[in-house]
């Protein structure tokens, strides 16, 4: 009797039962999931979603996404630089499109966005001499004054790796770096030291700091 009552309560909680005029069950439709089934379904869905995201994160950027490069804004373009450098495609034509778009919006890039874009180009060994020359001479100097320390180190390091040396830009960076040297960690010091050695830019103020 107890089992029959328990079964009746479960059916009442989980199923909506329509009956015929004679009282016989005409059909049943589920009105809400039992908590355990609901939790299992949610867990399975979450696991599948996580797997899909992880897999997508290792795949080359899709052609549909790359088709939007000519209209990409600053944040989107920065992300695309990073993703293409990491996952591909390893296609020179894709990099030409990325750099062409960066050239158009270079005046509006923040120091962090500039640092991320340049580091992506250095990682992928993409040296567009025209763009890099314009950026290092025309836009980088204004970023030296406002960049956070980490971004400043990234810009200087990437420019040196990309053979995009500008004496004015490196001189401006020194003014900030020399003052901030006591607060820099070993990685930042290493990045900066290697950058200036690589660029053959000797600066006694920086060395003394």
C-alpha atoms as a PDB file:
ATOM      1  CA  UNK A   1       0.000   0.000   0.000  1.00  0.00           C
ATOM      2  CA  UNK A   2       2.857   2.388   0.878  1.00  0.00           C
ATOM      3  CA  UNK A   3       4.519   1.722  -2.485  1.00  0.00           C
ATOM      4  CA  UNK A   4       1.258   2.387  -4.329  1.00  0.00           C
ATOM      5  CA  UNK A   5       0.837   5.698  -2.484  1.00  0.00           C
ATOM      6  CA  UNK A   6       4.447   6.696  -3.276  1.00  0.00           C
ATOM      7  CA  UNK A   7       3.958   5.813  -6.929  1.00  0.00           C
ATOM      8  CA  UNK A   8       0.793   7.851  -7.037  1.00  0.00           C
ATOM      9  CA  UNK A   9       2.525  10.889  -5.539  1.00  0.00           C
ATOM     10  CA  UNK A  10       5.394  10.654  -8.072  1.00  0.00           C
ATOM     11  CA  UNK A  11       2.951  10.415 -10.953  1.00  0.00           C
ATOM     12  CA  UNK A  12       1.010  13.373  -9.566  1.00  0.00           C
ATOM     13  CA  UNK A  13       4.188  15.477  -9.260  1.00  0.00           C
ATOM     14  CA  UNK A  14       5.771  14.590 -12.581  1.00  0.00           C
ATOM     15  CA  UNK A  15       3.020  13.753 -15.051  1.00  0.00           C
ATOM     16  CA  UNK A  16      -0.155  15.341 -16.262  1.00  0.00           C
ATOM     17  CA  UNK A  17      -2.689  12.584 -16.930  1.00  0.00           C
ATOM     18  CA  UNK A  18      -5.773  13.073 -19.073  1.00  0.00           C
ATOM     19  CA  UNK A  19      -8.547  10.576 -18.484  1.00  0.00           C
ATOM     20  CA  UNK A  20     -11.467   9.334 -20.482  1.00  0.00           C
ATOM     21  CA  UNK A  21     -15.038   9.828 -19.297  1.00  0.00           C
ATOM     22  CA  UNK A  22     -14.881   6.356 -17.768  1.00  0.00           C
ATOM     23  CA  UNK A  23     -11.899   7.310 -15.666  1.00  0.00           C
ATOM     24  CA  UNK A  24      -9.336   5.308 -17.632  1.00  0.00           C
ATOM     25  CA  UNK A  25      -6.070   6.986 -18.515  1.00  0.00           C
ATOM     26  CA  UNK A  26      -6.290   8.251 -22.069  1.00  0.00           C
ATOM     27  CA  UNK A  27      -2.680   9.453 -22.275  1.00  0.00           C
ATOM     28  CA  UNK A  28       0.071  11.063 -20.306  1.00  0.00           C
ATOM     29  CA  UNK A  29       2.303  14.001 -21.010  1.00  0.00           C
ATOM     30  CA  UNK A  30       5.299  15.147 -18.982  1.00  0.00           C
ATOM     31  CA  UNK A  31       4.667  18.523 -17.331  1.00  0.00           C
ATOM     32  CA  UNK A  32       7.937  18.935 -15.461  1.00  0.00           C
ATOM     33  CA  UNK A  33      11.229  17.070 -15.052  1.00  0.00           C
ATOM     34  CA  UNK A  34      12.076  15.354 -11.773  1.00  0.00           C
ATOM     35  CA  UNK A  35      14.940  17.242 -10.089  1.00  0.00           C
ATOM     36  CA  UNK A  36      17.509  14.471 -10.655  1.00  0.00           C
ATOM     37  CA  UNK A  37      16.695  14.211 -14.362  1.00  0.00           C
ATOM     38  CA  UNK A  38      16.753  17.988 -14.660  1.00  0.00           C
ATOM     39  CA  UNK A  39      20.196  18.157 -13.058  1.00  0.00           C
ATOM     40  CA  UNK A  40      21.542  15.351 -15.246  1.00  0.00           C
ATOM     41  CA  UNK A  41      20.235  17.039 -18.373  1.00  0.00           C
ATOM     42  CA  UNK A  42      21.764  20.376 -17.356  1.00  0.00           C
ATOM     43  CA  UNK A  43      25.114  18.743 -16.568  1.00  0.00           C
ATOM     44  CA  UNK A  44      25.170  16.942 -19.911  1.00  0.00           C
ATOM     45  CA  UNK A  45      24.327  20.145 -21.780  1.00  0.00           C
ATOM     46  CA  UNK A  46      26.995  22.114 -19.912  1.00  0.00           C
ATOM     47  CA  UNK A  47      29.608  19.429 -20.605  1.00  0.00           C
ATOM     48  CA  UNK A  48      28.771  19.379 -24.307  1.00  0.00           C
ATOM     49  CA  UNK A  49      28.943  23.183 -24.466  1.00  0.00           C
ATOM     50  CA  UNK A  50      32.343  23.237 -22.720  1.00  0.00           C
ATOM     51  CA  UNK A  51      33.701  20.593 -25.093  1.00  0.00           C
ATOM     52  CA  UNK A  52      32.486  22.557 -28.111  1.00  0.00           C
ATOM     53  CA  UNK A  53      34.076  25.773 -26.847  1.00  0.00           C
ATOM     54  CA  UNK A  54      37.372  24.011 -26.118  1.00  0.00           C
ATOM     55  CA  UNK A  55      37.408  22.404 -29.555  1.00  0.00           C
ATOM     56  CA  UNK A  56      36.490  25.688 -31.286  1.00  0.00           C
ATOM     57  CA  UNK A  57      39.329  27.402 -29.446  1.00  0.00           C
ATOM     58  CA  UNK A  58      41.894  25.181 -31.153  1.00  0.00           C
ATOM     59  CA  UNK A  59      40.479  25.351 -34.666  1.00  0.00           C
ATOM     60  CA  UNK A  60      41.652  27.806 -37.345  1.00  0.00           C
ATOM     61  CA  UNK A  61      39.495  30.907 -37.531  1.00  0.00           C
ATOM     62  CA  UNK A  62      36.572  30.229 -39.858  1.00  0.00           C
ATOM     63  CA  UNK A  63      36.221  31.825 -43.274  1.00  0.00           C
ATOM     64  CA  UNK A  64      32.894  33.336 -42.214  1.00  0.00           C
ATOM     65  CA  UNK A  65      34.643  35.143 -39.355  1.00  0.00           C
ATOM     66  CA  UNK A  66      37.570  36.216 -41.516  1.00  0.00           C
ATOM     67  CA  UNK A  67      35.153  37.686 -44.057  1.00  0.00           C
ATOM     68  CA  UNK A  68      34.321  40.399 -41.522  1.00  0.00           C
ATOM     69  CA  UNK A  69      37.907  41.688 -41.204  1.00  0.00           C
ATOM     70  CA  UNK A  70      37.340  44.802 -43.408  1.00  0.00           C
ATOM     71  CA  UNK A  71      34.641  45.995 -40.980  1.00  0.00           C
ATOM     72  CA  UNK A  72      36.130  44.794 -37.683  1.00  0.00           C
ATOM     73  CA  UNK A  73      36.309  47.257 -34.821  1.00  0.00           C
ATOM     74  CA  UNK A  74      39.297  47.683 -32.516  1.00  0.00           C
ATOM     75  CA  UNK A  75      38.424  44.995 -29.983  1.00  0.00           C
ATOM     76  CA  UNK A  76      37.302  42.472 -32.583  1.00  0.00           C
ATOM     77  CA  UNK A  77      40.381  43.028 -34.712  1.00  0.00           C
ATOM     78  CA  UNK A  78      42.679  42.647 -31.703  1.00  0.00           C
ATOM     79  CA  UNK A  79      41.043  39.306 -30.915  1.00  0.00           C
ATOM     80  CA  UNK A  80      41.406  38.172 -34.525  1.00  0.00           C
ATOM     81  CA  UNK A  81      45.122  39.026 -34.522  1.00  0.00           C
ATOM     82  CA  UNK A  82      45.574  36.866 -31.438  1.00  0.00           C
ATOM     83  CA  UNK A  83      43.450  33.967 -32.684  1.00  0.00           C
ATOM     84  CA  UNK A  84      45.007  33.817 -36.153  1.00  0.00           C
ATOM     85  CA  UNK A  85      48.513  33.985 -34.669  1.00  0.00           C
ATOM     86  CA  UNK A  86      47.685  31.089 -32.343  1.00  0.00           C
ATOM     87  CA  UNK A  87      45.390  28.851 -34.405  1.00  0.00           C
ATOM     88  CA  UNK A  88      45.741  29.981 -38.014  1.00  0.00           C
ATOM     89  CA  UNK A  89      45.030  29.856 -40.815  1.00  0.00           C
ATOM     90  CA  UNK A  90      48.680  30.269 -41.829  1.00  0.00           C
ATOM     91  CA  UNK A  91      47.710  32.225 -44.878  1.00  0.00           C
ATOM     92  CA  UNK A  92      49.634  35.364 -45.951  1.00  0.00           C
ATOM     93  CA  UNK A  93      46.501  36.772 -47.572  1.00  0.00           C
ATOM     94  CA  UNK A  94      44.700  36.678 -44.216  1.00  0.00           C
ATOM     95  CA  UNK A  95      47.520  38.609 -42.580  1.00  0.00           C
ATOM     96  CA  UNK A  96      47.471  41.176 -45.367  1.00  0.00           C
ATOM     97  CA  UNK A  97      43.787  41.782 -44.650  1.00  0.00           C
ATOM     98  CA  UNK A  98      44.372  42.010 -40.900  1.00  0.00           C
ATOM     99  CA  UNK A  99      47.229  44.477 -41.304  1.00  0.00           C
ATOM    100  CA  UNK A 100      45.309  46.533 -43.857  1.00  0.00           C
ATOM    101  CA  UNK A 101      42.430  46.918 -41.411  1.00  0.00           C
ATOM    102  CA  UNK A 102      44.825  47.733 -38.563  1.00  0.00           C
ATOM    103  CA  UNK A 103      46.390  50.421 -40.732  1.00  0.00           C
ATOM    104  CA  UNK A 104      42.988  52.078 -41.172  1.00  0.00           C
ATOM    105  CA  UNK A 105      42.141  52.187 -37.456  1.00  0.00           C
ATOM    106  CA  UNK A 106      45.687  52.522 -36.035  1.00  0.00           C
ATOM    107  CA  UNK A 107      44.975  56.083 -34.880  1.00  0.00           C
ATOM    108  CA  UNK A 108      42.275  54.845 -32.497  1.00  0.00           C
ATOM    109  CA  UNK A 109      44.063  51.856 -30.943  1.00  0.00           C
ATOM    110  CA  UNK A 110      44.673  51.831 -27.204  1.00  0.00           C
ATOM    111  CA  UNK A 111      48.110  50.919 -25.908  1.00  0.00           C
ATOM    112  CA  UNK A 112      46.841  47.497 -24.803  1.00  0.00           C
ATOM    113  CA  UNK A 113      45.316  46.768 -28.214  1.00  0.00           C
ATOM    114  CA  UNK A 114      48.500  47.900 -29.943  1.00  0.00           C
ATOM    115  CA  UNK A 115      50.599  45.707 -27.659  1.00  0.00           C
ATOM    116  CA  UNK A 116      48.424  42.640 -28.327  1.00  0.00           C
ATOM    117  CA  UNK A 117      48.388  43.186 -32.102  1.00  0.00           C
ATOM    118  CA  UNK A 118      52.149  43.693 -32.312  1.00  0.00           C
ATOM    119  CA  UNK A 119      52.848  40.685 -30.103  1.00  0.00           C
ATOM    120  CA  UNK A 120      50.619  38.565 -32.378  1.00  0.00           C
ATOM    121  CA  UNK A 121      52.537  39.745 -35.437  1.00  0.00           C
ATOM    122  CA  UNK A 122      55.848  38.969 -33.713  1.00  0.00           C
ATOM    123  CA  UNK A 123      54.630  35.500 -32.694  1.00  0.00           C
ATOM    124  CA  UNK A 124      53.502  34.754 -36.248  1.00  0.00           C
ATOM    125  CA  UNK A 125      56.606  36.436 -37.708  1.00  0.00           C
ATOM    126  CA  UNK A 126      54.540  38.756 -39.869  1.00  0.00           C
ATOM    127  CA  UNK A 127      56.596  41.790 -40.864  1.00  0.00           C
ATOM    128  CA  UNK A 128      54.684  44.255 -42.978  1.00  0.00           C
ATOM    129  CA  UNK A 129      57.399  46.893 -43.287  1.00  0.00           C
ATOM    130  CA  UNK A 130      55.124  49.681 -44.520  1.00  0.00           C
ATOM    131  CA  UNK A 131      52.597  49.308 -41.724  1.00  0.00           C
ATOM    132  CA  UNK A 132      55.248  48.822 -39.035  1.00  0.00           C
ATOM    133  CA  UNK A 133      57.190  51.866 -40.157  1.00  0.00           C
ATOM    134  CA  UNK A 134      54.082  54.077 -40.131  1.00  0.00           C
ATOM    135  CA  UNK A 135      52.970  52.716 -36.787  1.00  0.00           C
ATOM    136  CA  UNK A 136      56.341  53.081 -35.040  1.00  0.00           C
ATOM    137  CA  UNK A 137      56.859  56.635 -36.311  1.00  0.00           C
ATOM    138  CA  UNK A 138      53.343  58.066 -36.429  1.00  0.00           C
ATOM    139  CA  UNK A 139      51.300  56.340 -33.722  1.00  0.00           C
ATOM    140  CA  UNK A 140      53.594  54.623 -31.230  1.00  0.00           C
ATOM    141  CA  UNK A 141      55.092  57.850 -29.774  1.00  0.00           C
ATOM    142  CA  UNK A 142      51.712  59.026 -28.492  1.00  0.00           C
ATOM    143  CA  UNK A 143      51.153  55.646 -26.817  1.00  0.00           C
ATOM    144  CA  UNK A 144      54.415  55.806 -24.897  1.00  0.00           C
ATOM    145  CA  UNK A 145      53.051  58.485 -22.565  1.00  0.00           C
ATOM    146  CA  UNK A 146      49.786  56.784 -21.646  1.00  0.00           C
ATOM    147  CA  UNK A 147      50.577  53.062 -21.830  1.00  0.00           C
ATOM    148  CA  UNK A 148      50.466  50.924 -18.724  1.00  0.00           C
ATOM    149  CA  UNK A 149      53.830  49.441 -17.841  1.00  0.00           C
ATOM    150  CA  UNK A 150      53.022  45.935 -19.081  1.00  0.00           C
ATOM    151  CA  UNK A 151      51.711  47.252 -22.403  1.00  0.00           C
ATOM    152  CA  UNK A 152      54.698  49.573 -22.798  1.00  0.00           C
ATOM    153  CA  UNK A 153      57.079  46.640 -22.364  1.00  0.00           C
ATOM    154  CA  UNK A 154      55.059  44.626 -24.874  1.00  0.00           C
ATOM    155  CA  UNK A 155      55.100  47.370 -27.509  1.00  0.00           C
ATOM    156  CA  UNK A 156      58.845  47.989 -27.224  1.00  0.00           C
ATOM    157  CA  UNK A 157      59.655  44.277 -27.217  1.00  0.00           C
ATOM    158  CA  UNK A 158      57.424  43.504 -30.212  1.00  0.00           C
ATOM    159  CA  UNK A 159      58.698  46.440 -32.270  1.00  0.00           C
ATOM    160  CA  UNK A 160      62.261  45.272 -31.728  1.00  0.00           C
ATOM    161  CA  UNK A 161      61.369  41.697 -32.738  1.00  0.00           C
ATOM    162  CA  UNK A 162      59.657  42.996 -35.874  1.00  0.00           C
ATOM    163  CA  UNK A 163      62.646  45.176 -36.846  1.00  0.00           C
ATOM    164  CA  UNK A 164      60.446  48.264 -36.549  1.00  0.00           C
ATOM    165  CA  UNK A 165      62.899  50.477 -34.724  1.00  0.00           C
ATOM    166  CA  UNK A 166      62.223  54.185 -34.304  1.00  0.00           C
ATOM    167  CA  UNK A 167      64.733  56.220 -32.320  1.00  0.00           C
ATOM    168  CA  UNK A 168      62.091  58.703 -31.168  1.00  0.00           C
ATOM    169  CA  UNK A 169      59.767  55.957 -29.965  1.00  0.00           C
ATOM    170  CA  UNK A 170      62.502  54.142 -28.051  1.00  0.00           C
ATOM    171  CA  UNK A 171      63.732  57.410 -26.536  1.00  0.00           C
ATOM    172  CA  UNK A 172      60.228  58.240 -25.321  1.00  0.00           C
ATOM    173  CA  UNK A 173      59.848  54.753 -23.880  1.00  0.00           C
ATOM    174  CA  UNK A 174      63.085  55.155 -21.949  1.00  0.00           C
ATOM    175  CA  UNK A 175      61.707  58.155 -20.072  1.00  0.00           C
ATOM    176  CA  UNK A 176      58.877  56.024 -18.716  1.00  0.00           C
ATOM    177  CA  UNK A 177      60.855  52.824 -18.259  1.00  0.00           C
ATOM    178  CA  UNK A 178      63.721  54.450 -16.352  1.00  0.00           C
ATOM    179  CA  UNK A 179      61.310  55.891 -13.778  1.00  0.00           C
ATOM    180  CA  UNK A 180      59.346  52.638 -13.508  1.00  0.00           C
ATOM    181  CA  UNK A 181      62.367  50.313 -13.358  1.00  0.00           C
ATOM    182  CA  UNK A 182      62.159  49.762  -9.552  1.00  0.00           C
ATOM    183  CA  UNK A 183      58.589  48.490  -9.961  1.00  0.00           C
ATOM    184  CA  UNK A 184      59.307  46.175 -12.903  1.00  0.00           C
ATOM    185  CA  UNK A 185      59.469  42.418 -12.407  1.00  0.00           C
ATOM    186  CA  UNK A 186      62.193  40.203 -13.869  1.00  0.00           C
ATOM    187  CA  UNK A 187      60.181  39.299 -16.963  1.00  0.00           C
ATOM    188  CA  UNK A 188      59.521  42.940 -17.808  1.00  0.00           C
ATOM    189  CA  UNK A 189      63.147  43.865 -17.228  1.00  0.00           C
ATOM    190  CA  UNK A 190      64.230  41.015 -19.496  1.00  0.00           C
ATOM    191  CA  UNK A 191      61.813  42.056 -22.255  1.00  0.00           C
ATOM    192  CA  UNK A 192      63.002  45.647 -22.184  1.00  0.00           C
ATOM    193  CA  UNK A 193      66.712  44.839 -21.948  1.00  0.00           C
ATOM    194  CA  UNK A 194      66.508  42.398 -24.858  1.00  0.00           C
ATOM    195  CA  UNK A 195      64.494  44.892 -26.901  1.00  0.00           C
ATOM    196  CA  UNK A 196      67.056  47.671 -26.541  1.00  0.00           C
ATOM    197  CA  UNK A 197      69.990  45.328 -27.188  1.00  0.00           C
ATOM    198  CA  UNK A 198      68.239  43.879 -30.228  1.00  0.00           C
ATOM    199  CA  UNK A 199      67.572  47.358 -31.590  1.00  0.00           C
ATOM    200  CA  UNK A 200      71.141  48.471 -30.794  1.00  0.00           C
ATOM    201  CA  UNK A 201      69.713  51.427 -28.906  1.00  0.00           C
ATOM    202  CA  UNK A 202      72.158  52.350 -26.170  1.00  0.00           C
ATOM    203  CA  UNK A 203      70.740  54.492 -23.377  1.00  0.00           C
ATOM    204  CA  UNK A 204      72.787  55.245 -20.288  1.00  0.00           C
ATOM    205  CA  UNK A 205      69.764  56.475 -18.330  1.00  0.00           C
ATOM    206  CA  UNK A 206      68.008  53.141 -18.710  1.00  0.00           C
ATOM    207  CA  UNK A 207      71.145  51.137 -17.926  1.00  0.00           C
ATOM    208  CA  UNK A 208      71.819  53.176 -14.786  1.00  0.00           C
ATOM    209  CA  UNK A 209      68.265  52.709 -13.532  1.00  0.00           C
END
